[in-house]
C-alpha cells in the first residue's frame, strides 16, 4: 500500500495531498499547474515535500529532509510523459537498464507484446510502442508502485485504447498501486478505480461513476 500525506509550498498555492492506494489504479485529475506532477515527483524522490510522510508498505520513503530514502532504493516505477527512452539503446537494452533480471525482461516483452521489437531502437518504433517499452522498463525493476505522468497524451485514439488495454492487463498481473496523472476525463473514467480531483493543490476524492 502507498501512503501519502504531504505539504509543499508552490509558486501560487500550498500543495496539500493525503491519500492511500492499494492494488488499484487511482487517477490524479486536474488542470496543468495544479500540483499533479509535483506529487509524483515527491513519491519518486525527485523533489522533497516541505513536511509530511510517504511510505510504501512498511518502508518509509520520506518523513523529513533528513529522513528520506534515496531514489534508487524506493522501488518506484515512473513513466514520464515523453517516455525518456535512451535513443542509443535497443528496446531490450532500454528494458534491461536497471532490470531485476533478464527473465523479467523477457516476460515483459511477451506480456506487452513487444518481443518482436527487442532489437529495434526508439527512433524505429511508433508512439504506442514507445509507451509500452517505457512501461516495461518501469516494471522491470519490480517496483512496489507505478507512477504514470500523462503517458497517453500524445497518442491517437486507436493507440490510446490499445494502451489502456495493456495497462489494465498489467494491473491484474502485477497487483501493485498505480497512480496515473491525466487531464482527460474519458481516460480517467476508463482507467480509474478511484479518482482524485486536484485544483490549486487541494484534493477531492470521487468515484468514477460520479465523475
N, C-alpha and C. Protein backbone atom coordinates (compact mmCIF):
# COMPACT_ATOMS: atom_id res chain seq x y z
N UNK A 1 0.84 -1.20 0.00
CA UNK A 1 0.00 0.00 0.00
C UNK A 1 0.87 1.25 0.00
N UNK A 2 0.50 2.23 -0.80
CA UNK A 2 1.16 3.53 -0.83
C UNK A 2 0.40 4.50 0.06
N UNK A 3 1.12 5.14 0.97
CA UNK A 3 0.53 6.14 1.86
C UNK A 3 1.22 7.48 1.61
N UNK A 4 0.43 8.52 1.38
CA UNK A 4 0.96 9.87 1.14
C UNK A 4 0.21 10.87 1.99
N UNK A 5 0.95 11.67 2.72
CA UNK A 5 0.37 12.80 3.47
C UNK A 5 1.44 13.89 3.51
N UNK A 6 1.36 14.83 2.57
CA UNK A 6 2.44 15.82 2.40
C UNK A 6 1.90 17.23 2.20
N UNK A 7 2.78 18.17 2.46
CA UNK A 7 2.52 19.58 2.18
C UNK A 7 3.77 20.15 1.50
N UNK A 8 3.55 21.01 0.52
CA UNK A 8 4.67 21.67 -0.15
C UNK A 8 4.21 23.01 -0.70
N UNK A 9 4.99 24.04 -0.42
CA UNK A 9 4.69 25.38 -0.92
C UNK A 9 5.12 25.49 -2.36
N UNK A 10 4.17 25.76 -3.26
CA UNK A 10 4.46 26.00 -4.67
C UNK A 10 4.33 27.49 -4.97
N UNK A 11 4.55 27.88 -6.20
CA UNK A 11 4.64 29.31 -6.51
C UNK A 11 3.38 30.10 -6.19
N UNK A 12 2.20 29.50 -6.45
CA UNK A 12 0.95 30.26 -6.28
C UNK A 12 0.01 29.68 -5.22
N UNK A 13 0.37 28.56 -4.62
CA UNK A 13 -0.51 27.95 -3.63
C UNK A 13 0.27 26.93 -2.80
N UNK A 14 -0.40 26.45 -1.75
CA UNK A 14 0.15 25.40 -0.89
C UNK A 14 -0.42 24.06 -1.31
N UNK A 15 0.45 23.12 -1.71
CA UNK A 15 0.02 21.78 -2.06
C UNK A 15 -0.22 20.98 -0.79
N UNK A 16 -1.42 20.39 -0.68
CA UNK A 16 -1.77 19.52 0.45
C UNK A 16 -2.37 18.25 -0.12
N UNK A 17 -1.67 17.14 0.07
CA UNK A 17 -2.11 15.87 -0.51
C UNK A 17 -2.08 14.78 0.55
N UNK A 18 -3.21 14.10 0.71
CA UNK A 18 -3.29 12.98 1.65
C UNK A 18 -4.18 11.89 1.04
N UNK A 19 -3.60 10.70 0.82
CA UNK A 19 -4.35 9.59 0.24
C UNK A 19 -3.59 8.28 0.44
N UNK A 20 -4.31 7.16 0.23
CA UNK A 20 -3.73 5.83 0.27
C UNK A 20 -4.15 5.08 -1.00
N UNK A 21 -3.26 4.23 -1.50
CA UNK A 21 -3.58 3.43 -2.68
C UNK A 21 -3.19 1.99 -2.41
N UNK A 22 -4.15 1.08 -2.64
CA UNK A 22 -3.87 -0.35 -2.52
C UNK A 22 -3.57 -0.89 -3.92
N UNK A 23 -3.94 -2.12 -4.21
CA UNK A 23 -3.70 -2.70 -5.54
C UNK A 23 -4.80 -2.25 -6.49
N UNK A 24 -4.70 -1.01 -6.95
CA UNK A 24 -5.75 -0.39 -7.75
C UNK A 24 -5.12 0.73 -8.58
N UNK A 25 -5.90 1.24 -9.53
CA UNK A 25 -5.46 2.39 -10.31
C UNK A 25 -6.21 3.63 -9.81
N UNK A 26 -5.45 4.60 -9.33
CA UNK A 26 -6.01 5.86 -8.86
C UNK A 26 -5.58 6.96 -9.81
N UNK A 27 -6.53 7.77 -10.22
CA UNK A 27 -6.28 8.85 -11.16
C UNK A 27 -6.08 10.16 -10.41
N UNK A 28 -5.03 10.89 -10.78
CA UNK A 28 -4.86 12.29 -10.35
C UNK A 28 -5.32 13.15 -11.51
N UNK A 29 -6.48 13.77 -11.34
CA UNK A 29 -7.10 14.52 -12.44
C UNK A 29 -7.12 16.00 -12.11
N UNK A 30 -6.72 16.82 -13.07
CA UNK A 30 -6.80 18.26 -12.85
C UNK A 30 -6.08 19.02 -13.93
N UNK A 31 -6.25 20.35 -13.96
CA UNK A 31 -5.62 21.17 -15.00
C UNK A 31 -4.12 21.26 -14.82
N UNK A 32 -3.44 21.74 -15.86
CA UNK A 32 -2.00 21.95 -15.78
C UNK A 32 -1.67 22.94 -14.65
N UNK A 33 -0.60 22.65 -13.95
CA UNK A 33 -0.17 23.56 -12.89
C UNK A 33 -0.89 23.38 -11.57
N UNK A 34 -1.66 22.28 -11.42
CA UNK A 34 -2.44 22.11 -10.19
C UNK A 34 -1.70 21.31 -9.12
N UNK A 35 -0.51 20.78 -9.47
CA UNK A 35 0.29 20.05 -8.48
C UNK A 35 0.40 18.56 -8.71
N UNK A 36 -0.15 18.06 -9.83
CA UNK A 36 -0.18 16.61 -10.09
C UNK A 36 1.22 16.02 -10.19
N UNK A 37 2.03 16.59 -11.06
CA UNK A 37 3.38 16.05 -11.27
C UNK A 37 4.24 16.24 -10.03
N UNK A 38 4.03 17.29 -9.28
CA UNK A 38 4.78 17.51 -8.04
C UNK A 38 4.55 16.35 -7.07
N UNK A 39 3.31 15.87 -6.99
CA UNK A 39 3.01 14.74 -6.11
C UNK A 39 3.79 13.50 -6.56
N UNK A 40 3.78 13.21 -7.87
CA UNK A 40 4.54 12.07 -8.38
C UNK A 40 6.02 12.22 -8.06
N UNK A 41 6.56 13.41 -8.28
CA UNK A 41 7.99 13.64 -8.05
C UNK A 41 8.36 13.48 -6.58
N UNK A 42 7.45 13.86 -5.69
CA UNK A 42 7.70 13.66 -4.26
C UNK A 42 7.74 12.18 -3.90
N UNK A 43 6.83 11.39 -4.48
CA UNK A 43 6.81 9.95 -4.23
C UNK A 43 8.09 9.30 -4.76
N UNK A 44 8.50 9.72 -5.97
CA UNK A 44 9.68 9.12 -6.60
C UNK A 44 10.99 9.58 -5.96
N UNK A 45 10.95 10.71 -5.24
CA UNK A 45 12.16 11.23 -4.62
C UNK A 45 12.89 12.25 -5.47
N UNK A 46 12.25 12.71 -6.56
CA UNK A 46 12.87 13.72 -7.42
C UNK A 46 12.78 15.11 -6.81
N UNK A 47 11.83 15.29 -5.91
CA UNK A 47 11.73 16.52 -5.13
C UNK A 47 11.24 16.15 -3.73
N UNK A 48 11.45 17.04 -2.77
CA UNK A 48 11.05 16.76 -1.38
C UNK A 48 9.84 17.59 -0.99
N UNK A 49 8.88 17.00 -0.25
CA UNK A 49 7.84 17.81 0.38
C UNK A 49 8.48 18.72 1.43
N UNK A 50 7.76 19.73 1.85
CA UNK A 50 8.23 20.55 2.97
C UNK A 50 8.04 19.79 4.28
N UNK A 51 6.88 19.17 4.42
CA UNK A 51 6.58 18.35 5.61
C UNK A 51 5.71 17.17 5.18
N UNK A 52 5.57 16.20 6.08
CA UNK A 52 4.66 15.08 5.82
C UNK A 52 5.37 13.75 5.82
N UNK A 53 4.68 12.75 5.28
CA UNK A 53 5.21 11.38 5.27
C UNK A 53 4.75 10.66 4.01
N UNK A 54 5.64 9.85 3.46
CA UNK A 54 5.33 8.97 2.33
C UNK A 54 5.87 7.60 2.69
N UNK A 55 5.04 6.55 2.56
CA UNK A 55 5.52 5.20 2.83
C UNK A 55 4.94 4.24 1.79
N UNK A 56 5.67 3.15 1.57
CA UNK A 56 5.25 2.09 0.66
C UNK A 56 5.32 0.78 1.43
N UNK A 57 4.16 0.20 1.71
CA UNK A 57 4.07 -0.97 2.59
C UNK A 57 4.71 -0.60 3.94
N UNK A 58 5.76 -1.29 4.35
CA UNK A 58 6.36 -0.99 5.66
C UNK A 58 7.61 -0.10 5.55
N UNK A 59 7.87 0.42 4.35
CA UNK A 59 9.08 1.21 4.13
C UNK A 59 8.77 2.70 4.09
N UNK A 60 9.45 3.48 4.92
CA UNK A 60 9.30 4.93 4.91
C UNK A 60 10.12 5.49 3.75
N UNK A 61 9.47 6.20 2.82
CA UNK A 61 10.18 6.84 1.72
C UNK A 61 10.61 8.25 2.10
N UNK A 62 9.75 8.93 2.89
CA UNK A 62 10.05 10.29 3.32
C UNK A 62 9.35 10.58 4.64
N UNK A 63 10.08 11.13 5.57
CA UNK A 63 9.48 11.59 6.82
C UNK A 63 9.98 12.99 7.17
N UNK A 64 11.17 13.32 6.70
CA UNK A 64 11.73 14.66 6.83
C UNK A 64 12.88 14.74 5.84
N UNK A 65 13.40 15.93 5.64
CA UNK A 65 14.50 16.07 4.68
C UNK A 65 15.77 15.37 5.17
N UNK A 66 15.79 15.03 6.46
CA UNK A 66 16.91 14.26 6.99
C UNK A 66 16.59 12.76 7.09
N UNK A 67 15.32 12.43 6.89
CA UNK A 67 14.88 11.03 6.97
C UNK A 67 14.13 10.69 5.70
N UNK A 68 14.90 10.40 4.64
CA UNK A 68 14.30 10.06 3.36
C UNK A 68 15.14 8.98 2.69
N UNK A 69 14.47 8.15 1.92
CA UNK A 69 15.12 7.04 1.23
C UNK A 69 15.64 7.53 -0.11
N UNK A 70 16.87 7.15 -0.49
CA UNK A 70 17.40 7.54 -1.81
C UNK A 70 16.51 7.03 -2.94
N UNK A 71 16.52 7.74 -4.05
CA UNK A 71 15.67 7.41 -5.20
C UNK A 71 15.81 5.95 -5.61
N UNK A 72 17.06 5.47 -5.72
CA UNK A 72 17.30 4.13 -6.25
C UNK A 72 16.83 3.01 -5.32
N UNK A 73 16.48 3.35 -4.07
CA UNK A 73 16.02 2.33 -3.13
C UNK A 73 14.51 2.38 -2.89
N UNK A 74 13.80 3.20 -3.62
CA UNK A 74 12.38 3.43 -3.33
C UNK A 74 11.44 2.41 -3.95
N UNK A 75 11.90 1.60 -4.89
CA UNK A 75 11.03 0.63 -5.58
C UNK A 75 9.84 1.32 -6.25
N UNK A 76 10.14 2.43 -6.91
CA UNK A 76 9.11 3.20 -7.62
C UNK A 76 9.38 3.12 -9.12
N UNK A 77 8.39 2.67 -9.89
CA UNK A 77 8.46 2.71 -11.34
C UNK A 77 7.80 3.99 -11.83
N UNK A 78 8.45 4.70 -12.75
CA UNK A 78 7.97 6.02 -13.18
C UNK A 78 8.00 6.08 -14.70
N UNK A 79 6.85 6.33 -15.32
CA UNK A 79 6.76 6.52 -16.77
C UNK A 79 6.45 7.99 -17.02
N UNK A 80 7.39 8.67 -17.69
CA UNK A 80 7.25 10.10 -17.94
C UNK A 80 6.42 10.36 -19.20
N UNK A 81 5.96 11.59 -19.34
CA UNK A 81 5.11 11.95 -20.47
C UNK A 81 5.82 11.73 -21.80
N UNK A 82 7.13 12.00 -21.86
CA UNK A 82 7.87 11.84 -23.11
C UNK A 82 8.59 10.49 -23.19
N UNK A 83 8.28 9.58 -22.24
CA UNK A 83 8.81 8.21 -22.16
C UNK A 83 10.28 8.15 -21.72
N UNK A 84 11.11 9.14 -22.12
CA UNK A 84 12.51 9.22 -21.67
C UNK A 84 13.29 7.95 -21.96
N UNK A 85 13.09 7.35 -23.13
CA UNK A 85 13.87 6.18 -23.53
C UNK A 85 15.26 6.62 -23.96
N UNK A 86 16.22 5.72 -23.80
CA UNK A 86 17.59 6.00 -24.24
C UNK A 86 17.68 5.77 -25.75
N UNK A 87 17.94 6.81 -26.54
CA UNK A 87 17.90 6.65 -28.00
C UNK A 87 19.00 5.75 -28.56
N UNK A 88 20.12 5.62 -27.84
CA UNK A 88 21.24 4.82 -28.33
C UNK A 88 21.15 3.35 -27.92
N UNK A 89 20.08 2.99 -27.21
CA UNK A 89 19.90 1.60 -26.76
C UNK A 89 18.72 0.96 -27.49
N UNK A 90 18.83 -0.34 -27.74
CA UNK A 90 17.71 -1.07 -28.31
C UNK A 90 16.57 -1.17 -27.29
N UNK A 91 15.43 -1.63 -27.75
CA UNK A 91 14.29 -1.85 -26.86
C UNK A 91 14.68 -2.78 -25.71
N UNK A 92 15.32 -3.88 -26.03
CA UNK A 92 15.72 -4.82 -24.99
C UNK A 92 16.67 -4.15 -23.98
N UNK A 93 17.66 -3.41 -24.47
CA UNK A 93 18.63 -2.77 -23.58
C UNK A 93 17.96 -1.70 -22.72
N UNK A 94 16.98 -0.98 -23.29
CA UNK A 94 16.23 0.00 -22.50
C UNK A 94 15.52 -0.67 -21.34
N UNK A 95 14.91 -1.82 -21.61
CA UNK A 95 14.16 -2.51 -20.55
C UNK A 95 15.12 -3.12 -19.53
N UNK A 96 16.25 -3.63 -20.01
CA UNK A 96 17.22 -4.27 -19.11
C UNK A 96 17.93 -3.27 -18.20
N UNK A 97 17.87 -1.99 -18.55
CA UNK A 97 18.55 -0.98 -17.75
C UNK A 97 17.91 -0.94 -16.34
N UNK A 98 18.63 -1.40 -15.37
CA UNK A 98 18.12 -1.43 -14.01
C UNK A 98 17.16 -2.58 -13.74
N UNK A 99 17.07 -3.54 -14.69
CA UNK A 99 16.11 -4.64 -14.53
C UNK A 99 16.49 -5.56 -13.39
N UNK A 100 15.48 -6.20 -12.84
CA UNK A 100 15.68 -7.15 -11.74
C UNK A 100 16.48 -8.36 -12.23
N UNK A 101 16.11 -8.92 -13.39
CA UNK A 101 16.91 -9.97 -14.03
C UNK A 101 16.44 -10.12 -15.47
N UNK A 102 17.21 -10.86 -16.28
CA UNK A 102 16.91 -10.98 -17.70
C UNK A 102 15.60 -11.73 -17.95
N UNK A 103 15.22 -12.62 -17.04
CA UNK A 103 13.97 -13.36 -17.19
C UNK A 103 12.78 -12.41 -17.12
N UNK A 104 12.84 -11.44 -16.21
CA UNK A 104 11.76 -10.45 -16.10
C UNK A 104 11.65 -9.64 -17.39
N UNK A 105 12.79 -9.28 -17.98
CA UNK A 105 12.79 -8.54 -19.24
C UNK A 105 12.04 -9.32 -20.31
N UNK A 106 12.34 -10.60 -20.43
CA UNK A 106 11.67 -11.41 -21.46
C UNK A 106 10.18 -11.56 -21.15
N UNK A 107 9.82 -11.71 -19.90
CA UNK A 107 8.41 -11.82 -19.53
C UNK A 107 7.64 -10.56 -19.92
N UNK A 108 8.26 -9.39 -19.70
CA UNK A 108 7.61 -8.13 -20.02
C UNK A 108 7.52 -7.91 -21.53
N UNK A 109 8.55 -8.31 -22.25
CA UNK A 109 8.49 -8.24 -23.72
C UNK A 109 7.30 -9.04 -24.24
N UNK A 110 7.07 -10.21 -23.63
CA UNK A 110 5.95 -11.06 -24.05
C UNK A 110 4.62 -10.51 -23.57
N UNK A 111 4.57 -10.08 -22.29
CA UNK A 111 3.32 -9.60 -21.70
C UNK A 111 2.78 -8.39 -22.46
N UNK A 112 3.67 -7.47 -22.83
CA UNK A 112 3.26 -6.25 -23.52
C UNK A 112 3.30 -6.38 -25.04
N UNK A 113 3.59 -7.59 -25.51
CA UNK A 113 3.57 -7.90 -26.94
C UNK A 113 4.50 -7.00 -27.74
N UNK A 114 5.71 -6.87 -27.25
CA UNK A 114 6.73 -6.08 -27.94
C UNK A 114 8.01 -6.90 -28.17
N UNK A 115 7.90 -8.24 -28.04
CA UNK A 115 9.08 -9.09 -28.22
C UNK A 115 9.69 -8.95 -29.61
N UNK A 116 8.84 -8.66 -30.62
CA UNK A 116 9.34 -8.52 -31.99
C UNK A 116 10.09 -7.21 -32.21
N UNK A 117 10.04 -6.32 -31.19
CA UNK A 117 10.73 -5.02 -31.30
C UNK A 117 12.06 -5.01 -30.54
N UNK A 118 12.43 -6.13 -29.96
CA UNK A 118 13.54 -6.17 -29.00
C UNK A 118 14.84 -5.58 -29.53
N UNK A 119 15.12 -5.75 -30.82
CA UNK A 119 16.39 -5.29 -31.38
C UNK A 119 16.28 -3.95 -32.11
N UNK A 120 15.12 -3.33 -32.05
CA UNK A 120 14.94 -2.03 -32.69
C UNK A 120 15.31 -0.90 -31.72
N UNK A 121 15.53 0.29 -32.28
CA UNK A 121 15.85 1.48 -31.49
C UNK A 121 14.60 2.36 -31.38
N UNK A 122 14.52 3.22 -30.35
CA UNK A 122 13.32 4.05 -30.18
C UNK A 122 12.90 4.82 -31.42
N UNK A 123 13.86 5.27 -32.22
CA UNK A 123 13.51 6.05 -33.42
C UNK A 123 12.80 5.19 -34.48
N UNK A 124 12.89 3.88 -34.32
CA UNK A 124 12.33 2.96 -35.33
C UNK A 124 10.95 2.44 -34.96
N UNK A 125 10.38 2.88 -33.83
CA UNK A 125 9.10 2.34 -33.39
C UNK A 125 8.09 3.47 -33.20
N UNK A 126 6.82 3.10 -33.14
CA UNK A 126 5.73 4.10 -33.05
C UNK A 126 5.57 4.63 -31.63
N UNK A 127 4.72 5.66 -31.50
CA UNK A 127 4.45 6.24 -30.19
C UNK A 127 3.84 5.25 -29.22
N UNK A 128 2.89 4.45 -29.69
CA UNK A 128 2.27 3.44 -28.83
C UNK A 128 3.25 2.37 -28.40
N UNK A 129 4.15 2.01 -29.32
CA UNK A 129 5.18 1.02 -28.99
C UNK A 129 6.18 1.59 -27.97
N UNK A 130 6.53 2.86 -28.13
CA UNK A 130 7.42 3.51 -27.16
C UNK A 130 6.78 3.53 -25.77
N UNK A 131 5.47 3.76 -25.74
CA UNK A 131 4.77 3.79 -24.46
C UNK A 131 4.85 2.43 -23.78
N UNK A 132 4.70 1.35 -24.54
CA UNK A 132 4.78 0.01 -23.95
C UNK A 132 6.21 -0.32 -23.51
N UNK A 133 7.19 0.16 -24.26
CA UNK A 133 8.59 -0.05 -23.85
C UNK A 133 8.86 0.69 -22.54
N UNK A 134 8.35 1.92 -22.43
CA UNK A 134 8.54 2.70 -21.20
C UNK A 134 7.88 2.01 -20.01
N UNK A 135 6.69 1.45 -20.23
CA UNK A 135 6.02 0.69 -19.17
C UNK A 135 6.85 -0.53 -18.76
N UNK A 136 7.35 -1.25 -19.76
CA UNK A 136 8.16 -2.43 -19.47
C UNK A 136 9.41 -2.05 -18.69
N UNK A 137 10.06 -0.95 -19.07
CA UNK A 137 11.27 -0.54 -18.37
C UNK A 137 10.96 -0.18 -16.91
N UNK A 138 9.83 0.50 -16.69
CA UNK A 138 9.45 0.87 -15.32
C UNK A 138 9.15 -0.36 -14.48
N UNK A 139 8.56 -1.39 -15.10
CA UNK A 139 8.18 -2.59 -14.37
C UNK A 139 9.34 -3.58 -14.20
N UNK A 140 10.38 -3.43 -15.01
CA UNK A 140 11.50 -4.38 -14.98
C UNK A 140 12.27 -4.34 -13.66
N UNK A 141 12.13 -3.26 -12.92
CA UNK A 141 12.80 -3.16 -11.61
C UNK A 141 11.96 -3.81 -10.51
N UNK A 142 10.83 -4.40 -10.88
CA UNK A 142 9.88 -4.98 -9.92
C UNK A 142 9.47 -3.95 -8.87
N UNK A 143 8.86 -2.85 -9.30
CA UNK A 143 8.52 -1.78 -8.36
C UNK A 143 7.35 -2.15 -7.47
N UNK A 144 7.26 -1.46 -6.34
CA UNK A 144 6.13 -1.63 -5.43
C UNK A 144 4.99 -0.70 -5.76
N UNK A 145 5.25 0.31 -6.62
CA UNK A 145 4.22 1.25 -7.06
C UNK A 145 4.61 1.74 -8.45
N UNK A 146 3.61 2.02 -9.29
CA UNK A 146 3.84 2.51 -10.64
C UNK A 146 3.23 3.90 -10.78
N UNK A 147 4.06 4.87 -11.19
CA UNK A 147 3.63 6.26 -11.41
C UNK A 147 3.62 6.54 -12.90
N UNK A 148 2.52 7.12 -13.40
CA UNK A 148 2.37 7.41 -14.82
C UNK A 148 1.98 8.87 -14.99
N UNK A 149 2.84 9.63 -15.67
CA UNK A 149 2.60 11.08 -15.84
C UNK A 149 2.12 11.37 -17.25
N UNK A 150 0.80 11.38 -17.45
CA UNK A 150 0.17 11.64 -18.74
C UNK A 150 0.84 10.85 -19.87
N UNK A 151 0.98 9.53 -19.74
CA UNK A 151 1.75 8.77 -20.72
C UNK A 151 1.05 8.58 -22.07
N UNK A 152 -0.27 8.87 -22.13
CA UNK A 152 -1.01 8.64 -23.36
C UNK A 152 -1.39 9.93 -24.09
N UNK A 153 -0.94 11.07 -23.60
CA UNK A 153 -1.45 12.35 -24.08
C UNK A 153 -1.13 12.63 -25.55
N UNK A 154 -0.05 12.08 -26.08
CA UNK A 154 0.34 12.39 -27.46
C UNK A 154 -0.09 11.31 -28.46
N UNK A 155 -0.88 10.33 -27.99
CA UNK A 155 -1.27 9.21 -28.85
C UNK A 155 -2.64 9.44 -29.48
N UNK A 156 -2.86 8.84 -30.67
CA UNK A 156 -4.18 8.91 -31.30
C UNK A 156 -5.14 7.98 -30.55
N UNK A 157 -6.43 8.12 -30.84
CA UNK A 157 -7.45 7.41 -30.06
C UNK A 157 -7.32 5.89 -30.16
N UNK A 158 -7.03 5.38 -31.35
CA UNK A 158 -6.91 3.92 -31.51
C UNK A 158 -5.74 3.39 -30.69
N UNK A 159 -4.60 4.10 -30.74
CA UNK A 159 -3.43 3.67 -29.98
C UNK A 159 -3.67 3.81 -28.49
N UNK A 160 -4.34 4.88 -28.08
CA UNK A 160 -4.69 5.05 -26.66
C UNK A 160 -5.47 3.86 -26.14
N UNK A 161 -6.50 3.46 -26.89
CA UNK A 161 -7.35 2.35 -26.43
C UNK A 161 -6.57 1.05 -26.32
N UNK A 162 -5.62 0.85 -27.24
CA UNK A 162 -4.76 -0.33 -27.17
C UNK A 162 -3.90 -0.28 -25.90
N UNK A 163 -3.37 0.91 -25.60
CA UNK A 163 -2.52 1.07 -24.41
C UNK A 163 -3.33 0.94 -23.12
N UNK A 164 -4.59 1.41 -23.14
CA UNK A 164 -5.46 1.23 -21.98
C UNK A 164 -5.63 -0.27 -21.68
N UNK A 165 -5.80 -1.04 -22.74
CA UNK A 165 -5.96 -2.48 -22.59
C UNK A 165 -4.73 -3.10 -21.93
N UNK A 166 -3.55 -2.70 -22.39
CA UNK A 166 -2.32 -3.25 -21.83
C UNK A 166 -2.16 -2.84 -20.36
N UNK A 167 -2.52 -1.61 -20.04
CA UNK A 167 -2.39 -1.16 -18.65
C UNK A 167 -3.33 -1.94 -17.74
N UNK A 168 -4.54 -2.17 -18.20
CA UNK A 168 -5.49 -2.94 -17.38
C UNK A 168 -5.02 -4.39 -17.19
N UNK A 169 -4.40 -4.96 -18.21
CA UNK A 169 -3.81 -6.30 -18.07
C UNK A 169 -2.69 -6.28 -17.03
N UNK A 170 -1.86 -5.25 -17.07
CA UNK A 170 -0.76 -5.13 -16.12
C UNK A 170 -1.28 -5.03 -14.69
N UNK A 171 -2.35 -4.29 -14.51
CA UNK A 171 -2.92 -4.13 -13.17
C UNK A 171 -3.34 -5.49 -12.60
N UNK A 172 -3.94 -6.33 -13.42
CA UNK A 172 -4.37 -7.65 -12.97
C UNK A 172 -3.18 -8.57 -12.70
N UNK A 173 -2.14 -8.45 -13.54
CA UNK A 173 -0.97 -9.34 -13.41
C UNK A 173 -0.09 -8.95 -12.22
N UNK A 174 0.15 -7.65 -12.03
CA UNK A 174 1.16 -7.20 -11.07
C UNK A 174 0.60 -6.86 -9.71
N UNK A 175 -0.68 -6.45 -9.65
CA UNK A 175 -1.35 -6.19 -8.37
C UNK A 175 -0.54 -5.22 -7.48
N UNK A 176 -0.17 -4.08 -8.07
CA UNK A 176 0.53 -3.04 -7.31
C UNK A 176 -0.25 -1.74 -7.43
N UNK A 177 -0.04 -0.78 -6.52
CA UNK A 177 -0.68 0.53 -6.65
C UNK A 177 -0.22 1.23 -7.92
N UNK A 178 -1.17 1.80 -8.65
CA UNK A 178 -0.86 2.58 -9.85
C UNK A 178 -1.47 3.97 -9.68
N UNK A 179 -0.65 5.00 -9.84
CA UNK A 179 -1.10 6.38 -9.75
C UNK A 179 -0.86 7.04 -11.10
N UNK A 180 -1.95 7.42 -11.77
CA UNK A 180 -1.88 7.94 -13.13
C UNK A 180 -2.37 9.38 -13.19
N UNK A 181 -1.55 10.25 -13.73
CA UNK A 181 -1.89 11.66 -13.91
C UNK A 181 -2.51 11.86 -15.29
N UNK A 182 -3.64 12.55 -15.34
CA UNK A 182 -4.25 12.90 -16.62
C UNK A 182 -5.12 14.14 -16.46
N UNK A 183 -5.37 14.83 -17.58
CA UNK A 183 -6.40 15.88 -17.57
C UNK A 183 -7.49 15.52 -18.58
N UNK A 184 -7.52 14.23 -18.99
CA UNK A 184 -8.51 13.71 -19.93
C UNK A 184 -9.60 12.98 -19.14
N UNK A 185 -10.80 13.54 -19.14
CA UNK A 185 -11.89 12.99 -18.34
C UNK A 185 -12.28 11.58 -18.77
N UNK A 186 -12.32 11.31 -20.08
CA UNK A 186 -12.68 9.97 -20.56
C UNK A 186 -11.63 8.94 -20.17
N UNK A 187 -10.36 9.34 -20.23
CA UNK A 187 -9.28 8.45 -19.81
C UNK A 187 -9.41 8.12 -18.33
N UNK A 188 -9.72 9.13 -17.55
CA UNK A 188 -9.89 8.93 -16.10
C UNK A 188 -10.99 7.93 -15.82
N UNK A 189 -12.12 8.05 -16.53
CA UNK A 189 -13.24 7.14 -16.33
C UNK A 189 -12.91 5.71 -16.74
N UNK A 190 -12.16 5.58 -17.84
CA UNK A 190 -11.85 4.24 -18.37
C UNK A 190 -10.85 3.49 -17.50
N UNK A 191 -9.92 4.21 -16.90
CA UNK A 191 -8.80 3.54 -16.23
C UNK A 191 -8.88 3.56 -14.71
N UNK A 192 -9.62 4.50 -14.14
CA UNK A 192 -9.56 4.70 -12.70
C UNK A 192 -10.52 3.84 -11.89
N UNK A 193 -9.99 3.22 -10.84
CA UNK A 193 -10.85 2.62 -9.81
C UNK A 193 -11.35 3.72 -8.88
N UNK A 194 -10.50 4.71 -8.66
CA UNK A 194 -10.85 5.91 -7.90
C UNK A 194 -10.23 7.11 -8.58
N UNK A 195 -10.84 8.27 -8.37
CA UNK A 195 -10.33 9.50 -8.97
C UNK A 195 -10.10 10.54 -7.89
N UNK A 196 -8.90 11.11 -7.89
CA UNK A 196 -8.58 12.23 -7.02
C UNK A 196 -8.51 13.48 -7.88
N UNK A 197 -9.50 14.34 -7.72
CA UNK A 197 -9.53 15.60 -8.45
C UNK A 197 -8.69 16.63 -7.70
N UNK A 198 -7.80 17.32 -8.41
CA UNK A 198 -6.92 18.29 -7.76
C UNK A 198 -7.03 19.65 -8.45
N UNK A 199 -7.13 20.67 -7.63
CA UNK A 199 -7.15 22.04 -8.15
C UNK A 199 -6.43 22.93 -7.14
N UNK A 200 -5.43 23.64 -7.63
CA UNK A 200 -4.62 24.53 -6.79
C UNK A 200 -4.14 23.83 -5.52
N UNK A 201 -3.69 22.59 -5.71
CA UNK A 201 -3.07 21.86 -4.61
C UNK A 201 -3.99 21.19 -3.63
N UNK A 202 -5.32 21.27 -3.86
CA UNK A 202 -6.29 20.64 -2.95
C UNK A 202 -6.92 19.43 -3.63
N UNK A 203 -6.99 18.30 -2.89
CA UNK A 203 -7.51 17.05 -3.42
C UNK A 203 -8.94 16.79 -2.98
N UNK A 204 -9.73 16.19 -3.89
CA UNK A 204 -11.07 15.73 -3.55
C UNK A 204 -11.27 14.37 -4.19
N UNK A 205 -11.72 13.38 -3.42
CA UNK A 205 -11.89 12.01 -3.92
C UNK A 205 -13.27 11.85 -4.56
N UNK A 206 -13.28 11.21 -5.76
CA UNK A 206 -14.52 10.99 -6.49
C UNK A 206 -14.57 9.56 -7.00
N UNK A 207 -15.72 8.89 -6.95
CA UNK A 207 -15.86 7.59 -7.62
C UNK A 207 -16.03 7.84 -9.13
N UNK A 208 -15.52 6.94 -9.99
CA UNK A 208 -15.61 7.17 -11.43
C UNK A 208 -17.02 7.42 -11.93
N UNK A 209 -18.02 6.75 -11.34
CA UNK A 209 -19.40 6.92 -11.83
C UNK A 209 -19.97 8.30 -11.53
N UNK A 210 -19.37 8.99 -10.55
CA UNK A 210 -19.87 10.34 -10.19
C UNK A 210 -19.02 11.43 -10.83
N UNK A 211 -18.08 11.03 -11.65
CA UNK A 211 -17.12 11.99 -12.22
C UNK A 211 -17.69 12.69 -13.44
